[in-house]
Amino acid sequence: MPGMARSHPLDSCGAILSGLAKRLGLEPRLVELRLQHRWREIVGEPTGSHTWPDQIRFKKLYLVVRNSVWLQQLTFLKPTLLAKIQAETGPDLITEIVFRVGEIPALRSDAHTGSDAPPPATDAALAEAQAHAAAVQDPELRARLTQVMAEAFSRADR
C-alpha cells in the first residue's frame, strides 16, 4: 500500500533470530562471540592486546588479563571499559566485569583478520541446530544459522 512503511525481509529475519537466541538461551554466548570477534575494535589498544573476553555468566563479563600490572590498571579503568562494552551490547546484558590473570589466547590475537577457524561442531550439536533452523526459508541463511548454532551448542557441551 502506498504510504505504508514496509519492513525489510532481513529486519524480520533479524527479529526472528534474536527471539530464537533468547528462547534457546544463546544470547549471552552470541554476545561473547561478537565481543571476541571485535574485542580490539571495541576496547582499543593497548587494552585489546592484553585482555580477552572469556565468558558472560549472570550478567558478568569474565575478562582474562595478561598480568597483575594490567589487572591493577584496569581496576581503575573499569567504569570506562564497562561503558565501552555496554555501548556494544546494550546496558542490560553485562552489568559487571570480573578480572582474572591468565593467558591471552594466541589464536585470538588475529581474530579480526578472520584467519582463525572455529572448532568443528559435534554431530549432536549439528543435528540440534538443523532442527532449530529448519523453518528458515533462505538456504544460505539457514546454513549459516545452523553453523553458528552448532558451534555454540558444541562449546556449551564441553
Protein backbone atom coordinates (compact mmCIF):
# COMPACT_ATOMS: atom_id res chain seq x y z
CA MET A 1 0.00 0.00 0.00
CA PRO A 2 1.26 3.48 -0.75
CA GLY A 3 2.36 5.47 2.25
CA MET A 4 2.85 2.41 4.46
CA ALA A 5 6.35 1.60 5.60
CA ARG A 6 7.41 -1.91 4.67
CA SER A 7 9.80 -3.82 6.77
CA HIS A 8 12.84 -5.21 5.06
CA PRO A 9 12.97 -9.05 4.93
CA LEU A 10 16.29 -9.02 6.80
CA ASP A 11 14.73 -6.90 9.56
CA SER A 12 12.13 -9.57 10.26
CA CYS A 13 14.77 -12.29 9.95
CA GLY A 14 16.94 -10.45 12.48
CA ALA A 15 13.99 -10.26 14.86
CA ILE A 16 13.33 -13.98 14.42
CA LEU A 17 16.98 -14.85 15.08
CA SER A 18 17.11 -12.55 18.11
CA GLY A 19 13.97 -14.15 19.55
CA LEU A 20 15.31 -17.64 18.84
CA ALA A 21 18.63 -16.84 20.51
CA LYS A 22 16.80 -15.59 23.63
CA ARG A 23 14.47 -18.62 23.77
CA LEU A 24 17.37 -21.05 23.40
CA GLY A 25 19.47 -19.21 25.97
CA LEU A 26 22.11 -18.45 23.34
CA GLU A 27 22.06 -14.67 23.64
CA PRO A 28 24.97 -14.40 26.11
CA ARG A 29 27.01 -16.84 24.02
CA LEU A 30 26.34 -14.93 20.82
CA VAL A 31 27.37 -11.70 22.58
CA GLU A 32 30.55 -13.46 23.80
CA LEU A 33 31.39 -14.39 20.23
CA ARG A 34 30.69 -10.87 18.99
CA LEU A 35 32.87 -9.38 21.74
CA GLN A 36 35.68 -11.82 20.98
CA HIS A 37 35.50 -11.11 17.28
CA ARG A 38 35.54 -7.31 17.69
CA TRP A 39 37.41 -7.03 21.01
CA ARG A 40 40.31 -4.80 19.92
CA GLU A 41 37.96 -2.56 17.98
CA ILE A 42 35.63 -2.16 20.99
CA VAL A 43 38.19 -1.52 23.73
CA GLY A 44 41.05 -0.15 21.64
CA GLU A 45 44.76 -0.66 22.02
CA PRO A 46 46.73 -1.49 24.08
CA THR A 47 43.90 -2.87 26.25
CA GLY A 48 42.73 -5.18 23.45
CA SER A 49 46.12 -6.90 23.24
CA HIS A 50 46.40 -7.53 26.98
CA THR A 51 42.86 -8.73 27.73
CA TRP A 52 40.39 -11.29 26.43
CA PRO A 53 36.61 -11.55 26.98
CA ASP A 54 36.37 -15.14 28.20
CA GLN A 55 32.71 -15.63 29.06
CA ILE A 56 29.48 -13.99 30.21
CA ARG A 57 27.70 -15.55 33.18
CA PHE A 58 24.85 -13.98 35.14
CA LYS A 59 25.41 -10.55 33.54
CA LYS A 60 29.12 -10.62 34.46
CA LEU A 61 31.82 -10.49 31.81
CA TYR A 62 34.80 -12.58 32.91
CA LEU A 63 37.82 -10.86 31.43
CA VAL A 64 41.22 -12.56 31.22
CA VAL A 65 44.05 -10.10 31.87
CA ARG A 66 47.66 -10.78 30.87
CA ASN A 67 49.28 -10.00 34.26
CA SER A 68 48.74 -8.34 37.65
CA VAL A 69 50.06 -4.99 36.39
CA TRP A 70 47.32 -4.88 33.76
CA LEU A 71 44.77 -6.09 36.31
CA GLN A 72 45.67 -3.18 38.60
CA GLN A 73 45.48 -0.68 35.72
CA LEU A 74 42.12 -1.99 34.52
CA THR A 75 40.68 -1.79 38.03
CA PHE A 76 40.93 1.99 37.71
CA LEU A 77 39.54 1.92 34.15
CA LYS A 78 36.66 -0.46 34.93
CA PRO A 79 33.83 2.13 34.58
CA THR A 80 35.19 3.32 31.21
CA LEU A 81 35.70 -0.24 30.00
CA LEU A 82 32.19 -1.25 31.09
CA ALA A 83 30.73 1.75 29.26
CA LYS A 84 32.52 0.75 26.02
CA ILE A 85 31.26 -2.82 26.35
CA GLN A 86 27.70 -1.74 27.13
CA ALA A 87 27.76 0.58 24.11
CA GLU A 88 28.33 -2.57 22.03
CA THR A 89 25.99 -4.99 23.87
CA GLY A 90 23.34 -2.77 25.41
CA PRO A 91 23.09 -1.83 29.10
CA ASP A 92 21.30 -4.94 30.40
CA LEU A 93 23.34 -7.91 29.16
CA ILE A 94 26.57 -7.10 31.03
CA THR A 95 26.44 -5.13 34.27
CA GLU A 96 29.75 -6.14 35.86
CA ILE A 97 33.31 -7.05 34.82
CA VAL A 98 35.33 -9.65 36.73
CA PHE A 99 39.08 -9.66 36.07
CA ARG A 100 41.37 -12.66 36.39
CA VAL A 101 45.00 -13.03 35.45
CA GLY A 102 45.53 -15.66 32.78
CA GLU A 103 46.91 -16.41 29.37
CA ILE A 104 45.52 -14.48 26.44
CA PRO A 105 44.69 -16.98 23.67
CA ALA A 106 47.37 -16.60 20.98
CA LEU A 107 44.95 -17.74 18.31
CA ARG A 108 42.70 -14.82 19.12
CA SER A 109 45.37 -12.18 18.64
CA ASP A 110 44.50 -12.05 14.95
CA ALA A 111 40.77 -12.72 15.28
CA HIS A 112 39.94 -9.54 13.38
CA THR A 113 41.56 -10.99 10.25
CA GLY A 114 39.22 -13.96 10.25
CA SER A 115 42.10 -16.40 9.93
CA ASP A 116 41.15 -18.49 12.95
CA ALA A 117 38.61 -21.22 12.28
CA PRO A 118 36.09 -22.24 14.93
CA PRO A 119 36.34 -25.75 16.33
CA PRO A 120 34.24 -28.31 14.46
CA ALA A 121 30.70 -28.85 15.68
CA THR A 122 29.74 -32.21 17.15
CA ASP A 123 27.24 -34.37 15.25
CA ALA A 124 24.65 -33.99 18.04
CA ALA A 125 25.03 -30.21 18.06
CA LEU A 126 24.75 -30.08 14.28
CA ALA A 127 21.55 -32.16 14.33
CA GLU A 128 20.02 -29.95 17.02
CA ALA A 129 20.97 -26.79 15.13
CA GLN A 130 19.50 -28.14 11.88
CA ALA A 131 16.22 -28.84 13.67
CA HIS A 132 16.06 -25.28 15.02
CA ALA A 133 16.99 -23.68 11.68
CA ALA A 134 14.66 -25.81 9.54
CA ALA A 135 11.98 -23.10 9.39
CA VAL A 136 14.32 -20.55 7.77
CA GLN A 137 13.43 -20.37 4.09
CA ASP A 138 16.62 -18.91 2.66
CA PRO A 139 19.06 -21.83 2.16
CA GLU A 140 22.20 -19.72 2.60
CA LEU A 141 20.91 -18.08 5.76
CA ARG A 142 19.67 -21.45 7.08
CA ALA A 143 23.13 -22.99 6.52
CA ARG A 144 24.91 -20.10 8.27
CA LEU A 145 22.47 -20.09 11.18
CA THR A 146 22.89 -23.86 11.54
CA GLN A 147 26.67 -23.47 11.62
CA VAL A 148 26.61 -20.71 14.26
CA MET A 149 24.15 -22.57 16.49
CA ALA A 150 26.04 -25.88 16.14
CA GLU A 151 29.29 -24.18 17.18
CA ALA A 152 27.56 -22.58 20.17
CA PHE A 153 25.93 -25.88 21.20
CA SER A 154 29.28 -27.70 20.84
CA ARG A 155 31.04 -25.18 23.07
CA ALA A 156 28.25 -25.36 25.64
CA ASP A 157 28.59 -29.16 25.81
CA ARG A 158 32.30 -29.06 26.64
